Amino acid sequence: MDFVIPPNLRYTRTHEWIAIEEDKVRIGLTDYGQLDIGEVLYVEYLLDRNEEEKEQGSIIMRLETPKQIKEISLPISGIIIDINTRLDEEPELINTSPYKEGWLLLLDPTKSYEIN
């Protein structure tokens, strides 16, 4: 099976992608990651929707699929700037557009050395 792997992104071992956008970082689930967990039915963010600082490894959200509930942890430390509120009504965007419309959150990194 062929997976989409955009070359301009950074990737984690747990199948999140990281896009550096000037001094901010956008995070999402990779194509392989979304295929691995299956159809996303519901998204639950486990943080305030206002600016909030979180440490690397903090659980930030849960994705509900027909087979499981998958917890997503933050791949780098930072201040949460924005979350993708479209996922509240359209969680399937994680499956249909993992690198564009299905992004998870935007943050201001506080420990840039964590970005490999």
Protein backbone atom coordinates (compact mmCIF):
# COMPACT_ATOMS: atom_id res chain seq x y z
CA MET A 1 0.00 0.00 0.00
CA ASP A 2 1.35 3.45 -0.88
CA PHE A 3 1.14 6.23 1.69
CA VAL A 4 1.37 9.95 1.07
CA ILE A 5 4.58 11.29 2.65
CA PRO A 6 5.07 15.02 1.96
CA PRO A 7 8.83 15.74 1.99
CA ASN A 8 8.56 19.20 3.59
CA LEU A 9 7.27 17.89 6.95
CA ARG A 10 8.89 16.31 9.98
CA TYR A 11 7.55 13.04 11.34
CA THR A 12 7.34 11.32 14.73
CA ARG A 13 7.56 7.65 15.62
CA THR A 14 3.91 7.80 16.71
CA HIS A 15 2.79 8.96 13.24
CA GLU A 16 2.23 12.67 13.76
CA TRP A 17 3.53 15.22 11.30
CA ILE A 18 5.03 18.60 12.15
CA ALA A 19 5.01 21.56 9.77
CA ILE A 20 7.16 24.57 10.60
CA GLU A 21 5.33 27.77 9.64
CA GLU A 22 7.64 30.70 10.40
CA ASP A 23 7.90 30.62 14.23
CA LYS A 24 4.82 28.39 14.74
CA VAL A 25 4.32 24.66 14.33
CA ARG A 26 1.25 22.90 12.90
CA ILE A 27 0.67 19.28 13.94
CA GLY A 28 -1.45 16.53 12.41
CA LEU A 29 -1.75 12.79 12.00
CA THR A 30 0.10 11.16 9.09
CA ASP A 31 -1.60 9.30 6.28
CA TYR A 32 -0.28 6.02 7.70
CA GLY A 33 -1.45 7.02 11.20
CA GLN A 34 -5.01 7.74 10.10
CA LEU A 35 -5.17 4.50 8.08
CA ASP A 36 -3.81 2.55 11.04
CA ILE A 37 -6.46 3.78 13.51
CA GLY A 38 -9.35 3.66 11.04
CA GLU A 39 -12.34 5.88 10.47
CA VAL A 40 -12.40 8.76 12.97
CA LEU A 41 -15.93 9.19 14.33
CA TYR A 42 -15.36 11.68 17.14
CA VAL A 43 -12.63 14.07 18.30
CA GLU A 44 -12.23 15.18 21.92
CA TYR A 45 -9.65 17.85 22.75
CA LEU A 46 -8.30 17.55 26.29
CA LEU A 47 -7.21 21.16 26.69
CA ASP A 48 -8.60 24.66 26.79
CA ARG A 49 -9.20 26.27 23.45
CA ASN A 50 -7.34 29.35 24.62
CA GLU A 51 -3.58 29.69 24.67
CA GLU A 52 -2.29 26.98 27.00
CA GLU A 53 1.24 25.68 27.46
CA LYS A 54 1.75 21.91 27.34
CA GLU A 55 4.83 19.73 27.71
CA GLN A 56 6.04 17.20 25.16
CA GLY A 57 4.21 13.90 25.73
CA SER A 58 1.08 15.50 27.21
CA ILE A 59 -2.12 13.83 26.05
CA ILE A 60 -3.94 16.51 24.07
CA MET A 61 -6.83 14.68 22.45
CA ARG A 62 -8.69 11.45 21.92
CA LEU A 63 -9.87 10.10 18.58
CA GLU A 64 -12.76 7.65 18.64
CA THR A 65 -12.95 5.04 15.90
CA PRO A 66 -15.20 1.96 15.53
CA LYS A 67 -12.42 -0.20 17.00
CA GLN A 68 -10.68 1.97 19.58
CA ILE A 69 -10.13 5.25 21.33
CA LYS A 70 -6.69 6.58 20.38
CA GLU A 71 -4.96 9.13 22.60
CA ILE A 72 -2.77 11.66 20.82
CA SER A 73 0.18 13.14 22.68
CA LEU A 74 2.03 16.34 21.93
CA PRO A 75 5.25 15.63 19.99
CA ILE A 76 6.89 18.89 21.16
CA SER A 77 6.38 21.33 24.03
CA GLY A 78 4.65 24.62 23.32
CA ILE A 79 1.84 27.07 23.83
CA ILE A 80 -1.34 25.99 22.08
CA ILE A 81 -2.35 28.82 19.74
CA ASP A 82 -5.21 27.22 17.85
CA ILE A 83 -7.04 23.94 17.45
CA ASN A 84 -8.92 22.71 14.41
CA THR A 85 -12.52 23.34 15.49
CA ARG A 86 -13.78 21.93 12.17
CA LEU A 87 -12.99 18.50 13.58
CA ASP A 88 -15.81 18.94 16.12
CA GLU A 89 -18.33 18.66 13.28
CA GLU A 90 -16.19 16.94 10.64
CA PRO A 91 -13.85 14.43 12.35
CA GLU A 92 -13.57 12.54 9.07
CA LEU A 93 -11.23 15.30 7.79
CA ILE A 94 -8.45 13.48 9.66
CA ASN A 95 -9.02 10.55 7.28
CA THR A 96 -9.85 12.38 4.07
CA SER A 97 -7.34 15.25 4.33
CA PRO A 98 -4.71 14.43 6.97
CA TYR A 99 -2.13 16.96 5.69
CA LYS A 100 -4.45 19.87 4.90
CA GLU A 101 -7.95 20.24 6.37
CA GLY A 102 -7.50 17.50 9.00
CA TRP A 103 -4.66 19.18 10.95
CA LEU A 104 -4.96 18.93 14.75
CA LEU A 105 -3.43 22.04 16.32
CA LEU A 106 -1.12 25.01 15.96
CA LEU A 107 1.41 25.86 18.63
CA ASP A 108 4.22 28.22 19.53
CA PRO A 109 7.11 25.88 20.41
CA THR A 110 8.81 26.58 23.74
CA LYS A 111 11.66 24.09 23.32
CA SER A 112 12.76 24.30 19.70
CA TYR A 113 15.44 21.64 20.26
CA GLU A 114 12.61 19.07 20.44
CA ILE A 115 11.95 19.58 16.72
CA ASN A 116 14.21 17.06 15.00
